[in-house]
């Protein structure tokens, strides 16, 4: 695979989790700088895999919390 860029930026999973789906003020600055300087953001497969795992774990956790909250509300 050829990459036509002056440089490459790679985020690790921790950074990706801090800026969910890169929708964050800092992420906007990063993406602006990348575009302005003809840089490329790469997402290695391992990061993609870890992010998917974190999304599943977070979804399960929030579902459990929601069910518990609904049960408490129903008892009231």
PDB file of N, CA and C in Angstrom:
ATOM      1  N   UNK A   1       0.837  -1.169   0.000  1.00  0.00           N
ATOM      2  CA  UNK A   1       0.000   0.000   0.000  1.00  0.00           C
ATOM      3  C   UNK A   1       0.886   1.238   0.000  1.00  0.00           C
ATOM      4  N   UNK A   2       0.651   2.110  -0.922  1.00  0.00           N
ATOM      5  CA  UNK A   2       1.413   3.357  -0.983  1.00  0.00           C
ATOM      6  C   UNK A   2       0.635   4.459  -0.287  1.00  0.00           C
ATOM      7  N   UNK A   3       1.342   5.255   0.500  1.00  0.00           N
ATOM      8  CA  UNK A   3       0.726   6.381   1.184  1.00  0.00           C
ATOM      9  C   UNK A   3       1.365   7.647   0.649  1.00  0.00           C
ATOM     10  N   UNK A   4       0.542   8.507   0.089  1.00  0.00           N
ATOM     11  CA  UNK A   4       1.026   9.762  -0.456  1.00  0.00           C
ATOM     12  C   UNK A   4       0.821  10.851   0.588  1.00  0.00           C
ATOM     13  N   UNK A   5       1.753  10.956   1.507  1.00  0.00           N
ATOM     14  CA  UNK A   5       1.678  11.950   2.570  1.00  0.00           C
ATOM     15  C   UNK A   5       3.085  12.315   2.993  1.00  0.00           C
ATOM     16  N   UNK A   6       3.197  13.497   3.597  1.00  0.00           N
ATOM     17  CA  UNK A   6       4.486  13.946   4.103  1.00  0.00           C
ATOM     18  C   UNK A   6       4.850  13.227   5.397  1.00  0.00           C
ATOM     19  N   UNK A   7       3.845  12.833   6.161  1.00  0.00           N
ATOM     20  CA  UNK A   7       4.060  12.150   7.439  1.00  0.00           C
ATOM     21  C   UNK A   7       2.814  11.352   7.775  1.00  0.00           C
ATOM     22  N   UNK A   8       2.928  10.527   8.776  1.00  0.00           N
ATOM     23  CA  UNK A   8       1.825   9.663   9.186  1.00  0.00           C
ATOM     24  C   UNK A   8       1.625   9.812  10.694  1.00  0.00           C
ATOM     25  N   UNK A   9       0.372   9.862  11.135  1.00  0.00           N
ATOM     26  CA  UNK A   9       0.033   9.912  12.557  1.00  0.00           C
ATOM     27  C   UNK A   9      -0.726   8.640  12.885  1.00  0.00           C
ATOM     28  N   UNK A  10      -0.313   7.984  13.970  1.00  0.00           N
ATOM     29  CA  UNK A  10      -0.994   6.767  14.412  1.00  0.00           C
ATOM     30  C   UNK A  10      -1.397   6.972  15.867  1.00  0.00           C
ATOM     31  N   UNK A  11      -2.680   6.797  16.162  1.00  0.00           N
ATOM     32  CA  UNK A  11      -3.166   6.914  17.536  1.00  0.00           C
ATOM     33  C   UNK A  11      -3.254   5.534  18.164  1.00  0.00           C
ATOM     34  N   UNK A  12      -2.941   5.459  19.443  1.00  0.00           N
ATOM     35  CA  UNK A  12      -3.130   4.184  20.117  1.00  0.00           C
ATOM     36  C   UNK A  12      -4.558   4.123  20.672  1.00  0.00           C
ATOM     37  N   UNK A  13      -4.934   2.985  21.205  1.00  0.00           N
ATOM     38  CA  UNK A  13      -6.301   2.774  21.661  1.00  0.00           C
ATOM     39  C   UNK A  13      -6.686   3.754  22.759  1.00  0.00           C
ATOM     40  N   UNK A  14      -5.769   4.063  23.658  1.00  0.00           N
ATOM     41  CA  UNK A  14      -6.083   4.994  24.742  1.00  0.00           C
ATOM     42  C   UNK A  14      -6.454   6.367  24.205  1.00  0.00           C
ATOM     43  N   UNK A  15      -5.747   6.827  23.198  1.00  0.00           N
ATOM     44  CA  UNK A  15      -6.072   8.118  22.600  1.00  0.00           C
ATOM     45  C   UNK A  15      -7.418   8.056  21.892  1.00  0.00           C
ATOM     46  N   UNK A  16      -7.663   6.978  21.198  1.00  0.00           N
ATOM     47  CA  UNK A  16      -8.935   6.828  20.483  1.00  0.00           C
ATOM     48  C   UNK A  16     -10.090   6.843  21.480  1.00  0.00           C
ATOM     49  N   UNK A  17      -9.924   6.163  22.633  1.00  0.00           N
ATOM     50  CA  UNK A  17     -10.970   6.134  23.657  1.00  0.00           C
ATOM     51  C   UNK A  17     -11.199   7.509  24.271  1.00  0.00           C
ATOM     52  N   UNK A  18     -10.147   8.303  24.388  1.00  0.00           N
ATOM     53  CA  UNK A  18     -10.291   9.653  24.948  1.00  0.00           C
ATOM     54  C   UNK A  18     -11.039  10.578  24.001  1.00  0.00           C
ATOM     55  N   UNK A  19     -10.955  10.297  22.708  1.00  0.00           N
ATOM     56  CA  UNK A  19     -11.626  11.121  21.706  1.00  0.00           C
ATOM     57  C   UNK A  19     -12.578  10.221  20.915  1.00  0.00           C
ATOM     58  N   UNK A  20     -13.687   9.793  21.538  1.00  0.00           N
ATOM     59  CA  UNK A  20     -14.567   8.835  20.872  1.00  0.00           C
ATOM     60  C   UNK A  20     -14.900   9.238  19.433  1.00  0.00           C
ATOM     61  N   UNK A  21     -14.580   8.317  18.549  1.00  0.00           N
ATOM     62  CA  UNK A  21     -14.841   8.512  17.122  1.00  0.00           C
ATOM     63  C   UNK A  21     -14.271   9.840  16.614  1.00  0.00           C
ATOM     64  N   UNK A  22     -13.268  10.333  17.325  1.00  0.00           N
ATOM     65  CA  UNK A  22     -12.604  11.596  16.990  1.00  0.00           C
ATOM     66  C   UNK A  22     -13.587  12.776  16.966  1.00  0.00           C
ATOM     67  N   UNK A  23     -14.580  12.736  17.856  1.00  0.00           N
ATOM     68  CA  UNK A  23     -15.537  13.848  17.979  1.00  0.00           C
ATOM     69  C   UNK A  23     -15.250  14.579  19.290  1.00  0.00           C
ATOM     70  N   UNK A  24     -14.263  15.393  19.262  1.00  0.00           N
ATOM     71  CA  UNK A  24     -13.761  16.073  20.452  1.00  0.00           C
ATOM     72  C   UNK A  24     -13.005  17.295  19.946  1.00  0.00           C
ATOM     73  N   UNK A  25     -12.928  18.341  20.741  1.00  0.00           N
ATOM     74  CA  UNK A  25     -12.236  19.551  20.306  1.00  0.00           C
ATOM     75  C   UNK A  25     -10.785  19.297  19.924  1.00  0.00           C
ATOM     76  N   UNK A  26     -10.108  18.498  20.738  1.00  0.00           N
ATOM     77  CA  UNK A  26      -8.715  18.172  20.447  1.00  0.00           C
ATOM     78  C   UNK A  26      -8.617  17.367  19.144  1.00  0.00           C
ATOM     79  N   UNK A  27      -9.568  16.479  18.936  1.00  0.00           N
ATOM     80  CA  UNK A  27      -9.574  15.684  17.705  1.00  0.00           C
ATOM     81  C   UNK A  27      -9.793  16.569  16.487  1.00  0.00           C
ATOM     82  N   UNK A  28     -10.673  17.553  16.622  1.00  0.00           N
ATOM     83  CA  UNK A  28     -10.912  18.475  15.508  1.00  0.00           C
ATOM     84  C   UNK A  28      -9.624  19.208  15.150  1.00  0.00           C
ATOM     85  N   UNK A  29      -8.868  19.624  16.169  1.00  0.00           N
ATOM     86  CA  UNK A  29      -7.587  20.289  15.918  1.00  0.00           C
ATOM     87  C   UNK A  29      -6.612  19.347  15.225  1.00  0.00           C
ATOM     88  N   UNK A  30      -6.585  18.114  15.688  1.00  0.00           N
ATOM     89  CA  UNK A  30      -5.702  17.119  15.076  1.00  0.00           C
ATOM     90  C   UNK A  30      -6.060  16.909  13.609  1.00  0.00           C
ATOM     91  N   UNK A  31      -7.341  16.713  13.338  1.00  0.00           N
ATOM     92  CA  UNK A  31      -7.770  16.473  11.958  1.00  0.00           C
ATOM     93  C   UNK A  31      -7.502  17.684  11.073  1.00  0.00           C
ATOM     94  N   UNK A  32      -7.700  18.892  11.608  1.00  0.00           N
ATOM     95  CA  UNK A  32      -7.394  20.105  10.854  1.00  0.00           C
ATOM     96  C   UNK A  32      -5.907  20.164  10.503  1.00  0.00           C
ATOM     97  N   UNK A  33      -5.057  19.883  11.509  1.00  0.00           N
ATOM     98  CA  UNK A  33      -3.609  19.912  11.272  1.00  0.00           C
ATOM     99  C   UNK A  33      -3.194  18.848  10.257  1.00  0.00           C
ATOM    100  N   UNK A  34      -3.802  17.679  10.348  1.00  0.00           N
ATOM    101  CA  UNK A  34      -3.495  16.619   9.380  1.00  0.00           C
ATOM    102  C   UNK A  34      -3.829  17.076   7.962  1.00  0.00           C
ATOM    103  N   UNK A  35      -5.030  17.593   7.808  1.00  0.00           N
ATOM    104  CA  UNK A  35      -5.479  18.004   6.465  1.00  0.00           C
ATOM    105  C   UNK A  35      -4.626  19.150   5.940  1.00  0.00           C
ATOM    106  N   UNK A  36      -4.360  20.130   6.783  1.00  0.00           N
ATOM    107  CA  UNK A  36      -3.617  21.309   6.353  1.00  0.00           C
ATOM    108  C   UNK A  36      -2.183  20.980   5.942  1.00  0.00           C
ATOM    109  N   UNK A  37      -1.591  19.989   6.594  1.00  0.00           N
ATOM    110  CA  UNK A  37      -0.192  19.650   6.341  1.00  0.00           C
ATOM    111  C   UNK A  37      -0.012  18.393   5.488  1.00  0.00           C
ATOM    112  N   UNK A  38      -1.084  17.947   4.861  1.00  0.00           N
ATOM    113  CA  UNK A  38      -1.046  16.761   4.002  1.00  0.00           C
ATOM    114  C   UNK A  38      -0.494  15.549   4.757  1.00  0.00           C
ATOM    115  N   UNK A  39      -1.022  15.338   5.968  1.00  0.00           N
ATOM    116  CA  UNK A  39      -0.622  14.202   6.787  1.00  0.00           C
ATOM    117  C   UNK A  39      -1.726  13.155   6.749  1.00  0.00           C
ATOM    118  N   UNK A  40      -1.395  11.952   7.149  1.00  0.00           N
ATOM    119  CA  UNK A  40      -2.341  10.849   7.103  1.00  0.00           C
ATOM    120  C   UNK A  40      -2.488  10.241   8.494  1.00  0.00           C
ATOM    121  N   UNK A  41      -3.713   9.923   8.856  1.00  0.00           N
ATOM    122  CA  UNK A  41      -3.996   9.252  10.119  1.00  0.00           C
ATOM    123  C   UNK A  41      -4.251   7.785   9.816  1.00  0.00           C
ATOM    124  N   UNK A  42      -3.458   6.916  10.430  1.00  0.00           N
ATOM    125  CA  UNK A  42      -3.626   5.481  10.230  1.00  0.00           C
ATOM    126  C   UNK A  42      -4.243   4.858  11.471  1.00  0.00           C
ATOM    127  N   UNK A  43      -5.047   3.851  11.253  1.00  0.00           N
ATOM    128  CA  UNK A  43      -5.643   3.104  12.356  1.00  0.00           C
ATOM    129  C   UNK A  43      -5.246   1.643  12.179  1.00  0.00           C
ATOM    130  N   UNK A  44      -4.224   1.192  12.900  1.00  0.00           N
ATOM    131  CA  UNK A  44      -3.789  -0.198  12.772  1.00  0.00           C
ATOM    132  C   UNK A  44      -4.919  -1.159  13.149  1.00  0.00           C
ATOM    133  N   UNK A  45      -4.890  -2.342  12.593  1.00  0.00           N
ATOM    134  CA  UNK A  45      -5.930  -3.328  12.870  1.00  0.00           C
ATOM    135  C   UNK A  45      -6.071  -3.611  14.360  1.00  0.00           C
ATOM    136  N   UNK A  46      -4.969  -3.652  15.088  1.00  0.00           N
ATOM    137  CA  UNK A  46      -5.056  -3.950  16.517  1.00  0.00           C
ATOM    138  C   UNK A  46      -5.811  -2.853  17.249  1.00  0.00           C
ATOM    139  N   UNK A  47      -5.626  -1.609  16.869  1.00  0.00           N
ATOM    140  CA  UNK A  47      -6.357  -0.504  17.494  1.00  0.00           C
ATOM    141  C   UNK A  47      -7.835  -0.617  17.143  1.00  0.00           C
ATOM    142  N   UNK A  48      -8.130  -0.896  15.889  1.00  0.00           N
ATOM    143  CA  UNK A  48      -9.523  -1.069  15.472  1.00  0.00           C
ATOM    144  C   UNK A  48     -10.172  -2.183  16.276  1.00  0.00           C
ATOM    145  N   UNK A  49      -9.468  -3.279  16.442  1.00  0.00           N
ATOM    146  CA  UNK A  49     -10.000  -4.419  17.193  1.00  0.00           C
ATOM    147  C   UNK A  49     -10.231  -4.040  18.664  1.00  0.00           C
ATOM    148  N   UNK A  50      -9.258  -3.370  19.275  1.00  0.00           N
ATOM    149  CA  UNK A  50      -9.390  -2.962  20.674  1.00  0.00           C
ATOM    150  C   UNK A  50     -10.535  -1.971  20.857  1.00  0.00           C
ATOM    151  N   UNK A  51     -10.686  -1.047  19.931  1.00  0.00           N
ATOM    152  CA  UNK A  51     -11.778  -0.072  20.010  1.00  0.00           C
ATOM    153  C   UNK A  51     -13.124  -0.795  19.925  1.00  0.00           C
ATOM    154  N   UNK A  52     -13.231  -1.760  19.036  1.00  0.00           N
ATOM    155  CA  UNK A  52     -14.470  -2.531  18.936  1.00  0.00           C
ATOM    156  C   UNK A  52     -14.761  -3.263  20.245  1.00  0.00           C
ATOM    157  N   UNK A  53     -13.751  -3.863  20.847  1.00  0.00           N
ATOM    158  CA  UNK A  53     -13.939  -4.543  22.124  1.00  0.00           C
ATOM    159  C   UNK A  53     -14.411  -3.574  23.205  1.00  0.00           C
ATOM    160  N   UNK A  54     -13.802  -2.398  23.255  1.00  0.00           N
ATOM    161  CA  UNK A  54     -14.193  -1.402  24.246  1.00  0.00           C
ATOM    162  C   UNK A  54     -15.632  -0.948  24.023  1.00  0.00           C
ATOM    163  N   UNK A  55     -16.032  -0.786  22.774  1.00  0.00           N
ATOM    164  CA  UNK A  55     -17.408  -0.387  22.482  1.00  0.00           C
ATOM    165  C   UNK A  55     -18.396  -1.436  22.965  1.00  0.00           C
ATOM    166  N   UNK A  56     -18.076  -2.701  22.730  1.00  0.00           N
ATOM    167  CA  UNK A  56     -18.950  -3.789  23.175  1.00  0.00           C
ATOM    168  C   UNK A  56     -19.020  -3.810  24.699  1.00  0.00           C
ATOM    169  N   UNK A  57     -17.872  -3.697  25.367  1.00  0.00           N
ATOM    170  CA  UNK A  57     -17.840  -3.706  26.831  1.00  0.00           C
ATOM    171  C   UNK A  57     -18.644  -2.540  27.398  1.00  0.00           C
ATOM    172  N   UNK A  58     -18.466  -1.349  26.845  1.00  0.00           N
ATOM    173  CA  UNK A  58     -19.199  -0.170  27.314  1.00  0.00           C
ATOM    174  C   UNK A  58     -20.698  -0.319  27.078  1.00  0.00           C
ATOM    175  N   UNK A  59     -21.074  -0.894  25.953  1.00  0.00           N
ATOM    176  CA  UNK A  59     -22.490  -1.098  25.652  1.00  0.00           C
ATOM    177  C   UNK A  59     -23.109  -2.074  26.644  1.00  0.00           C
ATOM    178  N   UNK A  60     -22.407  -3.156  26.939  1.00  0.00           N
ATOM    179  CA  UNK A  60     -22.916  -4.130  27.914  1.00  0.00           C
ATOM    180  C   UNK A  60     -23.063  -3.495  29.293  1.00  0.00           C
ATOM    181  N   UNK A  61     -22.068  -2.731  29.718  1.00  0.00           N
ATOM    182  CA  UNK A  61     -22.102  -2.073  31.015  1.00  0.00           C
ATOM    183  C   UNK A  61     -23.285  -1.104  31.098  1.00  0.00           C
ATOM    184  N   UNK A  62     -23.464  -0.297  30.080  1.00  0.00           N
ATOM    185  CA  UNK A  62     -24.559   0.680  30.094  1.00  0.00           C
ATOM    186  C   UNK A  62     -25.920   0.002  30.009  1.00  0.00           C
ATOM    187  N   UNK A  63     -25.985  -1.122  29.319  1.00  0.00           N
ATOM    188  CA  UNK A  63     -27.239  -1.874  29.258  1.00  0.00           C
ATOM    189  C   UNK A  63     -27.587  -2.417  30.636  1.00  0.00           C
ATOM    190  N   UNK A  64     -26.597  -2.973  31.339  1.00  0.00           N
ATOM    191  CA  UNK A  64     -26.845  -3.484  32.698  1.00  0.00           C
ATOM    192  C   UNK A  64     -27.303  -2.360  33.624  1.00  0.00           C
ATOM    193  N   UNK A  65     -26.656  -1.208  33.532  1.00  0.00           N
ATOM    194  CA  UNK A  65     -27.043  -0.068  34.370  1.00  0.00           C
ATOM    195  C   UNK A  65     -28.465   0.383  34.043  1.00  0.00           C
ATOM    196  N   UNK A  66     -28.790   0.386  32.779  1.00  0.00           N
ATOM    197  CA  UNK A  66     -30.128   0.788  32.348  1.00  0.00           C
ATOM    198  C   UNK A  66     -31.186  -0.172  32.879  1.00  0.00           C
ATOM    199  N   UNK A  67     -30.912  -1.467  32.806  1.00  0.00           N
ATOM    200  CA  UNK A  67     -31.853  -2.475  33.294  1.00  0.00           C
ATOM    201  C   UNK A  67     -32.040  -2.316  34.802  1.00  0.00           C
ATOM    202  N   UNK A  68     -30.958  -2.127  35.533  1.00  0.00           N
ATOM    203  CA  UNK A  68     -31.047  -1.933  36.981  1.00  0.00           C
ATOM    204  C   UNK A  68     -31.861  -0.675  37.303  1.00  0.00           C
ATOM    205  N   UNK A  69     -31.607   0.385  36.565  1.00  0.00           N
ATOM    206  CA  UNK A  69     -32.341   1.641  36.770  1.00  0.00           C
ATOM    207  C   UNK A  69     -33.821   1.472  36.465  1.00  0.00           C
ATOM    208  N   UNK A  70     -34.151   0.734  35.432  1.00  0.00           N
ATOM    209  CA  UNK A  70     -35.540   0.492  35.065  1.00  0.00           C
ATOM    210  C   UNK A  70     -36.234  -0.340  36.142  1.00  0.00           C
ATOM    211  N   UNK A  71     -35.536  -1.331  36.684  1.00  0.00           N
ATOM    212  CA  UNK A  71     -36.111  -2.178  37.733  1.00  0.00           C
ATOM    213  C   UNK A  71     -36.402  -1.350  38.982  1.00  0.00           C
ATOM    214  N   UNK A  72     -35.489  -0.469  39.354  1.00  0.00           N
ATOM    215  CA  UNK A  72     -35.698   0.406  40.511  1.00  0.00           C
ATOM    216  C   UNK A  72     -36.875   1.346  40.281  1.00  0.00           C
ATOM    217  N   UNK A  73     -36.994   1.853  39.076  1.00  0.00           N
ATOM    218  CA  UNK A  73     -38.070   2.781  38.736  1.00  0.00           C
ATOM    219  C   UNK A  73     -39.414   2.051  38.762  1.00  0.00           C
ATOM    220  N   UNK A  74     -39.440   0.813  38.275  1.00  0.00           N
ATOM    221  CA  UNK A  74     -40.680   0.033  38.237  1.00  0.00           C
ATOM    222  C   UNK A  74     -41.173  -0.303  39.637  1.00  0.00           C
ATOM    223  N   UNK A  75     -40.259  -0.471  40.593  1.00  0.00           N
ATOM    224  CA  UNK A  75     -40.634  -0.782  41.974  1.00  0.00           C
ATOM    225  C   UNK A  75     -41.223   0.412  42.698  1.00  0.00           C
ATOM    226  N   UNK A  76     -40.907   1.615  42.222  1.00  0.00           N
ATOM    227  CA  UNK A  76     -41.357   2.833  42.901  1.00  0.00           C
ATOM    228  C   UNK A  76     -42.846   3.031  42.796  1.00  0.00           C
TER     229      UNK A  76
END
